[in-house]
Amino acid sequence: MNEENIIYSCLEHAELALDDFVNNEEKAPQLEKIEEEKKCSYCEKAAEYKIEA
């Protein structure tokens, strides 16, 4: 999976990220809790989740 199909999300934006993924990819996402240091795709907070197919 390429990086452009992955959404990183903080807790606050997790629901929005899931909705956006389903709307864009038209398939069920996998939500994975992450430990790596990534930024949320919607704000500057640290990401807690990775959403991908």
PDB file of N, CA and C in Angstrom:
ATOM      1  N   MET A   1       0.851  -1.180   0.000  1.00  0.00           N
ATOM      2  CA  MET A   1       0.000   0.000   0.000  1.00  0.00           C
ATOM      3  C   MET A   1       0.888   1.230   0.000  1.00  0.00           C
ATOM      4  N   ASN A   2       0.574   2.173  -0.853  1.00  0.00           N
ATOM      5  CA  ASN A   2       1.403   3.367  -0.869  1.00  0.00           C
ATOM      6  C   ASN A   2       0.934   4.359   0.191  1.00  0.00           C
ATOM      7  N   GLU A   3       1.818   5.254   0.561  1.00  0.00           N
ATOM      8  CA  GLU A   3       1.607   6.188   1.674  1.00  0.00           C
ATOM      9  C   GLU A   3       0.405   7.103   1.452  1.00  0.00           C
ATOM     10  N   GLU A   4       0.042   7.400   0.213  1.00  0.00           N
ATOM     11  CA  GLU A   4      -1.081   8.314  -0.016  1.00  0.00           C
ATOM     12  C   GLU A   4      -2.431   7.698   0.335  1.00  0.00           C
ATOM     13  N   ASN A   5      -2.513   6.390   0.476  1.00  0.00           N
ATOM     14  CA  ASN A   5      -3.753   5.720   0.863  1.00  0.00           C
ATOM     15  C   ASN A   5      -3.829   5.480   2.368  1.00  0.00           C
ATOM     16  N   ILE A   6      -2.933   6.079   3.120  1.00  0.00           N
ATOM     17  CA  ILE A   6      -2.910   5.930   4.569  1.00  0.00           C
ATOM     18  C   ILE A   6      -3.247   7.271   5.199  1.00  0.00           C
ATOM     19  N   ILE A   7      -4.127   7.231   6.189  1.00  0.00           N
ATOM     20  CA  ILE A   7      -4.482   8.433   6.947  1.00  0.00           C
ATOM     21  C   ILE A   7      -4.006   8.219   8.374  1.00  0.00           C
ATOM     22  N   TYR A   8      -3.308   9.208   8.912  1.00  0.00           N
ATOM     23  CA  TYR A   8      -2.897   9.189  10.312  1.00  0.00           C
ATOM     24  C   TYR A   8      -3.822  10.108  11.079  1.00  0.00           C
ATOM     25  N   SER A   9      -4.228   9.693  12.268  1.00  0.00           N
ATOM     26  CA  SER A   9      -5.245  10.433  12.994  1.00  0.00           C
ATOM     27  C   SER A   9      -4.975  10.467  14.490  1.00  0.00           C
ATOM     28  N   CYS A  10      -5.250  11.626  15.086  1.00  0.00           N
ATOM     29  CA  CYS A  10      -5.284  11.718  16.541  1.00  0.00           C
ATOM     30  C   CYS A  10      -6.656  11.200  16.986  1.00  0.00           C
ATOM     31  N   LEU A  11      -6.851  11.060  18.274  1.00  0.00           N
ATOM     32  CA  LEU A  11      -8.116  10.555  18.793  1.00  0.00           C
ATOM     33  C   LEU A  11      -9.283  11.445  18.379  1.00  0.00           C
ATOM     34  N   GLU A  12      -9.078  12.751  18.412  1.00  0.00           N
ATOM     35  CA  GLU A  12     -10.130  13.715  18.075  1.00  0.00           C
ATOM     36  C   GLU A  12     -10.636  13.557  16.637  1.00  0.00           C
ATOM     37  N   HIS A  13      -9.770  13.207  15.712  1.00  0.00           N
ATOM     38  CA  HIS A  13     -10.136  13.133  14.295  1.00  0.00           C
ATOM     39  C   HIS A  13     -10.319  11.703  13.769  1.00  0.00           C
ATOM     40  N   ALA A  14     -10.345  10.710  14.658  1.00  0.00           N
ATOM     41  CA  ALA A  14     -10.439   9.314  14.223  1.00  0.00           C
ATOM     42  C   ALA A  14     -11.725   9.038  13.446  1.00  0.00           C
ATOM     43  N   GLU A  15     -12.858   9.524  13.918  1.00  0.00           N
ATOM     44  CA  GLU A  15     -14.126   9.279  13.232  1.00  0.00           C
ATOM     45  C   GLU A  15     -14.147   9.942  11.858  1.00  0.00           C
ATOM     46  N   LEU A  16     -13.657  11.170  11.771  1.00  0.00           N
ATOM     47  CA  LEU A  16     -13.583  11.877  10.492  1.00  0.00           C
ATOM     48  C   LEU A  16     -12.666  11.135   9.523  1.00  0.00           C
ATOM     49  N   ALA A  17     -11.552  10.643  10.014  1.00  0.00           N
ATOM     50  CA  ALA A  17     -10.600   9.910   9.167  1.00  0.00           C
ATOM     51  C   ALA A  17     -11.226   8.633   8.615  1.00  0.00           C
ATOM     52  N   LEU A  18     -11.955   7.913   9.456  1.00  0.00           N
ATOM     53  CA  LEU A  18     -12.637   6.700   8.989  1.00  0.00           C
ATOM     54  C   LEU A  18     -13.666   7.026   7.915  1.00  0.00           C
ATOM     55  N   ASP A  19     -14.460   8.067   8.140  1.00  0.00           N
ATOM     56  CA  ASP A  19     -15.460   8.493   7.143  1.00  0.00           C
ATOM     57  C   ASP A  19     -14.794   8.888   5.828  1.00  0.00           C
ATOM     58  N   ASP A  20     -13.730   9.673   5.905  1.00  0.00           N
ATOM     59  CA  ASP A  20     -13.023  10.100   4.695  1.00  0.00           C
ATOM     60  C   ASP A  20     -12.446   8.911   3.939  1.00  0.00           C
ATOM     61  N   PHE A  21     -11.884   7.964   4.667  1.00  0.00           N
ATOM     62  CA  PHE A  21     -11.299   6.789   4.023  1.00  0.00           C
ATOM     63  C   PHE A  21     -12.354   6.008   3.259  1.00  0.00           C
ATOM     64  N   VAL A  22     -13.488   5.745   3.907  1.00  0.00           N
ATOM     65  CA  VAL A  22     -14.571   4.990   3.262  1.00  0.00           C
ATOM     66  C   VAL A  22     -15.097   5.750   2.048  1.00  0.00           C
ATOM     67  N   ASN A  23     -15.265   7.054   2.168  1.00  0.00           N
ATOM     68  CA  ASN A  23     -15.759   7.860   1.047  1.00  0.00           C
ATOM     69  C   ASN A  23     -14.788   7.870  -0.130  1.00  0.00           C
ATOM     70  N   ASN A  24     -13.496   7.913   0.142  1.00  0.00           N
ATOM     71  CA  ASN A  24     -12.495   7.993  -0.930  1.00  0.00           C
ATOM     72  C   ASN A  24     -12.128   6.640  -1.523  1.00  0.00           C
ATOM     73  N   GLU A  25     -11.997   5.637  -0.669  1.00  0.00           N
ATOM     74  CA  GLU A  25     -11.508   4.327  -1.118  1.00  0.00           C
ATOM     75  C   GLU A  25     -12.635   3.336  -1.419  1.00  0.00           C
ATOM     76  N   GLU A  26     -13.824   3.603  -0.896  1.00  0.00           N
ATOM     77  CA  GLU A  26     -14.998   2.745  -1.099  1.00  0.00           C
ATOM     78  C   GLU A  26     -14.745   1.298  -0.682  1.00  0.00           C
ATOM     79  N   LYS A  27     -14.005   1.123   0.423  1.00  0.00           N
ATOM     80  CA  LYS A  27     -13.798  -0.189   1.025  1.00  0.00           C
ATOM     81  C   LYS A  27     -13.602  -0.015   2.517  1.00  0.00           C
ATOM     82  N   ALA A  28     -13.737  -1.105   3.226  1.00  0.00           N
ATOM     83  CA  ALA A  28     -13.620  -1.051   4.686  1.00  0.00           C
ATOM     84  C   ALA A  28     -12.175  -0.785   5.111  1.00  0.00           C
ATOM     85  N   PRO A  29     -11.978   0.126   6.030  1.00  0.00           N
ATOM     86  CA  PRO A  29     -10.626   0.431   6.503  1.00  0.00           C
ATOM     87  C   PRO A  29     -10.200  -0.463   7.659  1.00  0.00           C
ATOM     88  N   GLN A  30      -8.897  -0.504   7.877  1.00  0.00           N
ATOM     89  CA  GLN A  30      -8.335  -1.133   9.071  1.00  0.00           C
ATOM     90  C   GLN A  30      -7.807  -0.006   9.942  1.00  0.00           C
ATOM     91  N   LEU A  31      -8.206  -0.016  11.186  1.00  0.00           N
ATOM     92  CA  LEU A  31      -7.762   0.982  12.149  1.00  0.00           C
ATOM     93  C   LEU A  31      -6.717   0.331  13.045  1.00  0.00           C
ATOM     94  N   GLU A  32      -5.527   0.908  13.057  1.00  0.00           N
ATOM     95  CA  GLU A  32      -4.429   0.332  13.828  1.00  0.00           C
ATOM     96  C   GLU A  32      -3.856   1.382  14.771  1.00  0.00           C
ATOM     97  N   LYS A  33      -3.751   1.043  16.047  1.00  0.00           N
ATOM     98  CA  LYS A  33      -3.120   1.925  17.019  1.00  0.00           C
ATOM     99  C   LYS A  33      -1.618   1.903  16.747  1.00  0.00           C
ATOM    100  N   ILE A  34      -0.999   3.075  16.697  1.00  0.00           N
ATOM    101  CA  ILE A  34       0.428   3.144  16.360  1.00  0.00           C
ATOM    102  C   ILE A  34       1.254   3.702  17.515  1.00  0.00           C
ATOM    103  N   GLU A  35       2.505   3.345  17.518  1.00  0.00           N
ATOM    104  CA  GLU A  35       3.472   3.845  18.497  1.00  0.00           C
ATOM    105  C   GLU A  35       4.471   4.794  17.830  1.00  0.00           C
ATOM    106  N   GLU A  36       4.576   4.696  16.483  1.00  0.00           N
ATOM    107  CA  GLU A  36       5.535   5.532  15.764  1.00  0.00           C
ATOM    108  C   GLU A  36       5.119   7.002  15.817  1.00  0.00           C
ATOM    109  N   GLU A  37       6.073   7.879  15.653  1.00  0.00           N
ATOM    110  CA  GLU A  37       5.798   9.310  15.724  1.00  0.00           C
ATOM    111  C   GLU A  37       5.378   9.844  14.362  1.00  0.00           C
ATOM    112  N   LYS A  38       4.079  10.034  14.204  1.00  0.00           N
ATOM    113  CA  LYS A  38       3.507  10.612  12.992  1.00  0.00           C
ATOM    114  C   LYS A  38       2.571  11.732  13.405  1.00  0.00           C
ATOM    115  N   LYS A  39       2.329  12.669  12.513  1.00  0.00           N
ATOM    116  CA  LYS A  39       1.393  13.758  12.771  1.00  0.00           C
ATOM    117  C   LYS A  39       0.024  13.399  12.220  1.00  0.00           C
ATOM    118  N   CYS A  40      -1.001  13.866  12.889  1.00  0.00           N
ATOM    119  CA  CYS A  40      -2.375  13.703  12.423  1.00  0.00           C
ATOM    120  C   CYS A  40      -2.509  14.373  11.060  1.00  0.00           C
ATOM    121  N   SER A  41      -3.256  13.754  10.155  1.00  0.00           N
ATOM    122  CA  SER A  41      -3.465  14.313   8.816  1.00  0.00           C
ATOM    123  C   SER A  41      -4.383  15.536   8.833  1.00  0.00           C
ATOM    124  N   TYR A  42      -5.029  15.807   9.970  1.00  0.00           N
ATOM    125  CA  TYR A  42      -5.995  16.899  10.061  1.00  0.00           C
ATOM    126  C   TYR A  42      -5.544  18.046  10.959  1.00  0.00           C
ATOM    127  N   CYS A  43      -4.581  17.791  11.832  1.00  0.00           N
ATOM    128  CA  CYS A  43      -4.083  18.840  12.722  1.00  0.00           C
ATOM    129  C   CYS A  43      -2.618  18.552  13.034  1.00  0.00           C
ATOM    130  N   GLU A  44      -2.037  19.269  13.937  1.00  0.00           N
ATOM    131  CA  GLU A  44      -0.613  19.107  14.247  1.00  0.00           C
ATOM    132  C   GLU A  44      -0.352  18.188  15.446  1.00  0.00           C
ATOM    133  N   LYS A  45      -1.402  17.590  15.989  1.00  0.00           N
ATOM    134  CA  LYS A  45      -1.225  16.693  17.134  1.00  0.00           C
ATOM    135  C   LYS A  45      -0.549  15.396  16.703  1.00  0.00           C
ATOM    136  N   ALA A  46      -0.020  14.677  17.679  1.00  0.00           N
ATOM    137  CA  ALA A  46       0.566  13.372  17.402  1.00  0.00           C
ATOM    138  C   ALA A  46      -0.534  12.386  17.016  1.00  0.00           C
ATOM    139  N   ALA A  47      -0.282  11.615  15.998  1.00  0.00           N
ATOM    140  CA  ALA A  47      -1.256  10.617  15.549  1.00  0.00           C
ATOM    141  C   ALA A  47      -1.261   9.420  16.495  1.00  0.00           C
ATOM    142  N   GLU A  48      -2.448   8.895  16.751  1.00  0.00           N
ATOM    143  CA  GLU A  48      -2.580   7.692  17.561  1.00  0.00           C
ATOM    144  C   GLU A  48      -3.000   6.500  16.714  1.00  0.00           C
ATOM    145  N   TYR A  49      -3.536   6.771  15.519  1.00  0.00           N
ATOM    146  CA  TYR A  49      -4.081   5.706  14.676  1.00  0.00           C
ATOM    147  C   TYR A  49      -3.594   5.827  13.229  1.00  0.00           C
ATOM    148  N   LYS A  50      -3.510   4.677  12.596  1.00  0.00           N
ATOM    149  CA  LYS A  50      -3.225   4.606  11.153  1.00  0.00           C
ATOM    150  C   LYS A  50      -4.433   3.921  10.524  1.00  0.00           C
ATOM    151  N   ILE A  51      -5.009   4.569   9.521  1.00  0.00           N
ATOM    152  CA  ILE A  51      -6.169   4.019   8.827  1.00  0.00           C
ATOM    153  C   ILE A  51      -5.730   3.679   7.409  1.00  0.00           C
ATOM    154  N   GLU A  52      -5.934   2.401   7.027  1.00  0.00           N
ATOM    155  CA  GLU A  52      -5.555   1.937   5.697  1.00  0.00           C
ATOM    156  C   GLU A  52      -6.444   0.774   5.298  1.00  0.00           C
ATOM    157  N   ALA A  53      -6.329   0.341   4.041  1.00  0.00           N
ATOM    158  CA  ALA A  53      -7.154  -0.772   3.542  1.00  0.00           C
ATOM    159  C   ALA A  53      -6.590  -2.095   3.965  1.00  0.00           C
TER     160      ALA A  53
END
